[in-house]
């Protein structure tokens, strides 16, 4: 299976996670956990990254970091490589330590970053590493530093406090994390983070790369040079919107285009929708077929027979420019 490309954008907030191979315990004792944190601190300083959250469990770790002009891939490669070598020496073993490349998703600062921070810091509670009452003193997450205004050499506490704009950000942060609001404030955001953590990235789903409002997603996708995103995602266009554009271009009511028939101008408009959608905006045949109420193979035939449309190029120009 080919390797999925990585969304690489400078000065972006990432939620990242790495999991061990075969669920192996990669943090079996405090010695290795301490070594990992030391190397994390070194990596942050070496690459001018900023950390807003971290937690380490037996077989994986989570972080929220802000990248610099150095790529997230280079940062993570250094961290995972150094730790894997130390783990192998410590345990007299050889071979890979991590299951696959790290998973990541970019998050807009004011559209879910606070939820990402709490998601990471609540990980020990969800996995029974500690209770919610014990979290403030739990050694293996960044929450302890934030809850007690401590310097742990990793978390940029002021950057996190700035997300909770009030006179007492420490209190507000702690209340946010320990309330039901932390995991339910935006269930959609948490669901997207979980999807990204499973490595379910897809060029057909912008949310598998970026979490934020429409403008932020579009700008971020445009910034990244590492992946090719389908055109309708880059231009923030839905198939429903395309249908409306086509109906306007041919001066027909939108609802008319949803009805199958043999009227030449209606069938031509439906075919134009299929051609522009598949060839220009890169929708799947199945997606277009659902709108038209036909099969994917029928859309494929429409596209292959598009040369029969008189004035097709002019019509396509009108639709694709709109």
Protein backbone atom coordinates (compact mmCIF):
# COMPACT_ATOMS: atom_id res chain seq x y z
CA UNK A 1 0.00 0.00 0.00
CA UNK A 2 1.37 3.41 -0.94
CA UNK A 3 2.32 5.84 1.80
CA UNK A 4 -0.16 8.62 2.48
CA UNK A 5 1.27 12.09 1.97
CA UNK A 6 1.69 14.43 4.93
CA UNK A 7 0.04 17.81 5.34
CA UNK A 8 3.03 20.09 5.96
CA UNK A 9 2.32 23.73 6.80
CA UNK A 10 4.66 26.11 8.66
CA UNK A 11 3.59 27.72 11.95
CA UNK A 12 0.49 25.52 12.27
CA UNK A 13 -1.04 23.85 15.32
CA UNK A 14 -0.92 20.05 15.04
CA UNK A 15 -2.46 17.31 17.15
CA UNK A 16 -0.12 14.34 16.66
CA UNK A 17 0.08 10.79 17.95
CA UNK A 18 2.40 7.80 17.57
CA UNK A 19 1.47 4.24 18.48
CA UNK A 20 3.69 1.22 19.11
CA UNK A 21 3.87 -1.79 16.84
CA UNK A 22 1.63 -4.71 17.87
CA UNK A 23 0.45 -2.78 20.96
CA UNK A 24 3.85 -3.26 22.56
CA UNK A 25 4.51 -1.33 25.77
CA UNK A 26 6.98 1.33 24.66
CA UNK A 27 6.88 3.25 27.95
CA UNK A 28 7.19 0.38 30.45
CA UNK A 29 8.92 2.30 33.22
CA UNK A 30 9.76 5.77 34.50
CA UNK A 31 13.32 5.66 33.17
CA UNK A 32 12.20 5.46 29.55
CA UNK A 33 9.38 7.93 30.10
CA UNK A 34 11.86 10.43 31.53
CA UNK A 35 14.23 9.84 28.60
CA UNK A 36 11.40 10.49 26.13
CA UNK A 37 10.44 13.75 27.82
CA UNK A 38 14.06 14.91 27.83
CA UNK A 39 14.31 14.24 24.10
CA UNK A 40 10.96 15.92 23.49
CA UNK A 41 12.25 19.04 25.24
CA UNK A 42 15.43 18.94 23.15
CA UNK A 43 13.45 18.51 19.93
CA UNK A 44 11.17 21.44 20.77
CA UNK A 45 14.13 23.74 21.35
CA UNK A 46 16.16 22.45 18.39
CA UNK A 47 13.38 23.06 15.89
CA UNK A 48 11.73 26.06 17.59
CA UNK A 49 8.47 24.21 18.10
CA UNK A 50 5.93 25.06 20.79
CA UNK A 51 4.11 22.40 22.84
CA UNK A 52 0.63 23.04 24.24
CA UNK A 53 -0.21 19.53 25.43
CA UNK A 54 1.33 16.08 25.85
CA UNK A 55 0.51 12.74 27.44
CA UNK A 56 2.28 9.38 27.32
CA UNK A 57 0.61 6.03 27.86
CA UNK A 58 1.99 2.48 27.78
CA UNK A 59 1.82 2.04 24.01
CA UNK A 60 1.43 5.53 22.51
CA UNK A 61 1.73 9.26 23.06
CA UNK A 62 -0.26 12.36 22.11
CA UNK A 63 0.84 15.97 21.68
CA UNK A 64 -0.43 19.33 20.52
CA UNK A 65 2.42 21.34 19.02
CA UNK A 66 2.87 24.45 16.94
CA UNK A 67 5.33 23.96 14.11
CA UNK A 68 8.00 26.40 12.98
CA UNK A 69 9.50 26.80 9.51
CA UNK A 70 10.82 23.26 10.07
CA UNK A 71 8.38 20.57 8.93
CA UNK A 72 6.38 18.52 11.41
CA UNK A 73 7.80 15.41 9.73
CA UNK A 74 11.38 16.35 10.52
CA UNK A 75 10.48 17.13 14.13
CA UNK A 76 8.69 13.82 14.65
CA UNK A 77 11.30 11.83 12.78
CA UNK A 78 13.99 13.04 15.13
CA UNK A 79 11.92 12.42 18.27
CA UNK A 80 10.71 8.93 17.33
CA UNK A 81 14.05 7.83 15.94
CA UNK A 82 16.05 8.85 19.00
CA UNK A 83 13.56 7.22 21.34
CA UNK A 84 13.33 3.99 19.31
CA UNK A 85 17.12 3.59 19.36
CA UNK A 86 17.24 4.13 23.13
CA UNK A 87 14.35 1.70 23.69
CA UNK A 88 16.05 -0.97 21.60
CA UNK A 89 19.35 -0.55 23.44
CA UNK A 90 17.57 -0.60 26.79
CA UNK A 91 15.70 -3.79 25.95
CA UNK A 92 18.40 -5.45 23.80
CA UNK A 93 16.13 -5.70 20.79
CA UNK A 94 16.14 -4.75 17.10
CA UNK A 95 13.52 -3.62 14.63
CA UNK A 96 10.76 -1.08 14.36
CA UNK A 97 9.15 0.31 17.49
CA UNK A 98 6.31 2.39 16.10
CA UNK A 99 3.40 0.85 14.20
CA UNK A 100 3.40 3.33 11.35
CA UNK A 101 4.14 6.95 10.61
CA UNK A 102 2.72 9.32 13.18
CA UNK A 103 -0.84 10.56 12.64
CA UNK A 104 -1.56 14.27 12.58
CA UNK A 105 -4.24 16.87 11.97
CA UNK A 106 -3.96 20.68 11.77
CA UNK A 107 -6.32 22.63 14.03
CA UNK A 108 -7.45 26.25 13.82
CA UNK A 109 -6.50 28.14 16.98
CA UNK A 110 -9.94 29.53 17.80
CA UNK A 111 -11.97 26.65 16.38
CA UNK A 112 -11.06 23.67 18.53
CA UNK A 113 -7.51 24.05 19.81
CA UNK A 114 -8.73 24.18 23.43
CA UNK A 115 -10.66 20.94 22.83
CA UNK A 116 -7.53 19.32 21.38
CA UNK A 117 -5.49 20.32 24.45
CA UNK A 118 -8.09 18.88 26.84
CA UNK A 119 -8.47 15.76 24.69
CA UNK A 120 -4.75 15.05 25.01
CA UNK A 121 -4.60 15.78 28.75
CA UNK A 122 -7.67 13.67 29.52
CA UNK A 123 -6.16 10.65 27.78
CA UNK A 124 -4.76 9.17 31.04
CA UNK A 125 -8.22 9.44 32.63
CA UNK A 126 -9.94 7.77 29.68
CA UNK A 127 -7.42 4.91 29.74
CA UNK A 128 -7.44 4.51 33.54
CA UNK A 129 -3.92 5.83 34.07
CA UNK A 130 -5.31 8.04 36.81
CA UNK A 131 -8.62 9.38 38.06
CA UNK A 132 -9.93 12.84 37.27
CA UNK A 133 -9.20 13.87 40.85
CA UNK A 134 -5.58 12.68 40.51
CA UNK A 135 -4.97 14.39 37.17
CA UNK A 136 -3.53 17.61 38.66
CA UNK A 137 -0.61 15.62 40.11
CA UNK A 138 -0.27 13.01 37.37
CA UNK A 139 3.37 12.93 36.23
CA UNK A 140 2.98 11.83 32.63
CA UNK A 141 0.95 14.56 31.02
CA UNK A 142 1.32 18.28 30.56
CA UNK A 143 -1.80 18.98 32.60
CA UNK A 144 0.16 19.00 35.89
CA UNK A 145 2.27 21.97 34.76
CA UNK A 146 -0.80 23.88 33.59
CA UNK A 147 -2.92 23.13 36.66
CA UNK A 148 -0.15 24.20 39.02
CA UNK A 149 1.51 26.90 36.90
CA UNK A 150 4.77 24.97 36.77
CA UNK A 151 7.58 24.92 34.25
CA UNK A 152 8.17 21.40 33.00
CA UNK A 153 10.48 22.32 30.13
CA UNK A 154 7.89 21.16 27.62
CA UNK A 155 4.51 22.89 27.81
CA UNK A 156 4.31 26.57 26.93
CA UNK A 157 1.84 27.35 29.70
CA UNK A 158 1.27 30.96 28.68
CA UNK A 159 0.31 29.89 25.18
CA UNK A 160 -2.32 27.55 26.64
CA UNK A 161 -3.60 30.13 29.11
CA UNK A 162 -4.07 32.57 26.23
CA UNK A 163 -6.76 30.24 24.88
CA UNK A 164 -8.81 30.91 28.02
CA UNK A 165 -9.19 34.66 27.92
CA UNK A 166 -10.09 35.81 31.45
CA UNK A 167 -8.54 37.17 34.63
CA UNK A 168 -7.85 33.67 35.99
CA UNK A 169 -6.95 31.43 33.01
CA UNK A 170 -5.56 28.66 35.26
CA UNK A 171 -8.89 28.21 36.97
CA UNK A 172 -10.81 28.43 33.71
CA UNK A 173 -8.49 25.91 32.04
CA UNK A 174 -8.88 23.42 34.92
CA UNK A 175 -12.63 23.85 35.00
CA UNK A 176 -12.79 23.30 31.25
CA UNK A 177 -10.71 20.11 31.35
CA UNK A 178 -12.54 18.63 34.34
CA UNK A 179 -16.05 19.40 33.19
CA UNK A 180 -18.10 17.39 30.75
CA UNK A 181 -17.62 20.35 28.44
CA UNK A 182 -14.05 19.31 27.69
CA UNK A 183 -15.08 16.21 25.75
CA UNK A 184 -18.53 17.37 24.68
CA UNK A 185 -18.00 21.06 23.87
CA UNK A 186 -17.52 20.11 20.27
CA UNK A 187 -18.09 16.41 19.68
CA UNK A 188 -17.52 16.92 15.97
CA UNK A 189 -13.98 18.20 16.60
CA UNK A 190 -13.16 15.30 18.92
CA UNK A 191 -14.54 12.86 16.34
CA UNK A 192 -12.29 14.38 13.67
CA UNK A 193 -9.26 14.15 15.96
CA UNK A 194 -10.01 10.49 16.62
CA UNK A 195 -10.36 9.84 12.89
CA UNK A 196 -7.01 11.50 12.21
CA UNK A 197 -5.39 9.53 15.04
CA UNK A 198 -6.47 6.30 13.34
CA UNK A 199 -4.58 7.41 10.25
CA UNK A 200 -7.76 7.69 8.19
CA UNK A 201 -6.50 10.46 5.91
CA UNK A 202 -8.09 10.94 2.51
CA UNK A 203 -7.71 13.47 -0.29
CA UNK A 204 -11.51 13.32 -0.54
CA UNK A 205 -12.06 14.53 3.02
CA UNK A 206 -10.58 17.89 4.00
CA UNK A 207 -11.39 17.24 7.65
CA UNK A 208 -8.92 14.36 7.73
CA UNK A 209 -6.16 16.94 7.26
CA UNK A 210 -7.51 20.17 8.75
CA UNK A 211 -10.03 21.15 11.46
CA UNK A 212 -11.42 24.67 11.28
CA UNK A 213 -13.86 26.94 9.46
CA UNK A 214 -14.19 26.89 5.67
CA UNK A 215 -11.79 29.78 5.04
CA UNK A 216 -9.12 28.32 7.32
CA UNK A 217 -9.38 24.89 5.71
CA UNK A 218 -9.09 26.37 2.22
CA UNK A 219 -6.10 28.58 3.12
CA UNK A 220 -4.32 25.70 4.85
CA UNK A 221 -4.84 23.33 1.94
CA UNK A 222 -3.50 25.99 -0.42
CA UNK A 223 -0.40 26.42 1.75
CA UNK A 224 0.52 22.76 1.76
CA UNK A 225 2.82 21.64 -1.05
CA UNK A 226 2.99 18.03 0.07
CA UNK A 227 -0.40 16.72 -0.97
CA UNK A 228 -2.68 17.13 -3.94
CA UNK A 229 -6.17 17.93 -2.71
CA UNK A 230 -9.15 17.35 -4.99
CA UNK A 231 -10.27 20.52 -6.70
CA UNK A 232 -13.78 20.71 -5.21
CA UNK A 233 -12.18 20.54 -1.74
CA UNK A 234 -9.65 23.28 -2.55
CA UNK A 235 -12.42 25.50 -3.89
CA UNK A 236 -14.87 24.56 -1.12
CA UNK A 237 -17.56 23.46 -3.57
CA UNK A 238 -20.24 20.85 -2.90
CA UNK A 239 -21.98 18.79 -5.56
CA UNK A 240 -25.26 20.49 -4.62
CA UNK A 241 -23.70 23.89 -5.24
CA UNK A 242 -22.37 22.71 -8.60
CA UNK A 243 -25.88 21.61 -9.61
CA UNK A 244 -27.17 25.12 -8.86
CA UNK A 245 -24.35 26.65 -10.94
CA UNK A 246 -25.20 24.39 -13.89
CA UNK A 247 -28.92 25.15 -13.66
CA UNK A 248 -28.13 28.87 -13.76
CA UNK A 249 -25.79 28.47 -16.75
CA UNK A 250 -28.49 26.71 -18.83
CA UNK A 251 -31.39 28.84 -17.53
CA UNK A 252 -33.27 25.90 -16.11
CA UNK A 253 -34.78 25.40 -12.69
CA UNK A 254 -32.57 23.35 -10.45
CA UNK A 255 -35.33 20.87 -9.69
CA UNK A 256 -35.77 20.16 -13.39
CA UNK A 257 -32.22 18.84 -13.58
CA UNK A 258 -33.02 16.26 -10.92
CA UNK A 259 -35.64 14.62 -13.15
CA UNK A 260 -34.60 12.06 -15.70
CA UNK A 261 -36.09 12.64 -19.12
CA UNK A 262 -35.44 12.81 -22.82
CA UNK A 263 -35.79 16.57 -23.28
CA UNK A 264 -32.60 17.52 -25.05
CA UNK A 265 -31.75 20.61 -22.98
CA UNK A 266 -32.44 18.84 -19.66
CA UNK A 267 -30.39 15.76 -20.56
CA UNK A 268 -27.63 18.05 -21.84
CA UNK A 269 -27.62 19.99 -18.56
CA UNK A 270 -27.44 16.76 -16.54
CA UNK A 271 -24.57 15.59 -18.71
CA UNK A 272 -22.83 18.93 -18.28
CA UNK A 273 -23.15 18.54 -14.49
CA UNK A 274 -21.54 15.09 -14.75
CA UNK A 275 -18.72 16.25 -17.01
CA UNK A 276 -17.84 19.40 -15.04
CA UNK A 277 -18.17 17.52 -11.74
CA UNK A 278 -16.00 14.56 -12.73
CA UNK A 279 -13.37 16.11 -14.99
CA UNK A 280 -12.96 19.62 -13.62
CA UNK A 281 -13.96 19.50 -9.96
CA UNK A 282 -12.90 15.88 -9.37
CA UNK A 283 -16.02 14.57 -7.67
CA UNK A 284 -16.45 10.81 -7.70
CA UNK A 285 -18.96 9.30 -10.12
CA UNK A 286 -20.87 7.90 -7.14
CA UNK A 287 -21.17 11.34 -5.54
CA UNK A 288 -22.53 12.85 -8.78
CA UNK A 289 -24.80 9.85 -9.34
CA UNK A 290 -26.48 10.34 -5.96
CA UNK A 291 -27.43 13.87 -6.94
CA UNK A 292 -28.79 12.82 -10.33
CA UNK A 293 -30.55 9.71 -9.02
CA UNK A 294 -28.68 7.33 -11.31
CA UNK A 295 -25.81 4.84 -11.07
CA UNK A 296 -22.10 5.56 -11.07
CA UNK A 297 -21.71 3.68 -14.35
CA UNK A 298 -24.37 5.91 -15.90
CA UNK A 299 -22.34 8.97 -14.90
CA UNK A 300 -19.26 7.35 -16.42
CA UNK A 301 -21.13 6.93 -19.73
CA UNK A 302 -22.25 10.57 -19.60
CA UNK A 303 -18.65 11.69 -19.24
CA UNK A 304 -17.34 9.40 -21.98
CA UNK A 305 -20.01 10.65 -24.42
CA UNK A 306 -19.52 14.33 -23.59
CA UNK A 307 -18.05 15.10 -27.01
CA UNK A 308 -21.59 14.84 -28.38
CA UNK A 309 -22.66 18.03 -26.57
CA UNK A 310 -22.72 20.97 -28.97
CA UNK A 311 -20.88 23.95 -27.49
CA UNK A 312 -19.60 21.88 -24.55
CA UNK A 313 -16.43 23.90 -24.04
CA UNK A 314 -18.34 27.17 -23.82
CA UNK A 315 -20.81 25.67 -21.34
CA UNK A 316 -17.98 24.20 -19.25
CA UNK A 317 -16.24 27.57 -19.16
CA UNK A 318 -19.42 29.22 -17.90
CA UNK A 319 -19.89 26.60 -15.19
CA UNK A 320 -16.28 26.26 -14.07
CA UNK A 321 -15.77 30.02 -13.92
CA UNK A 322 -18.86 30.40 -11.76
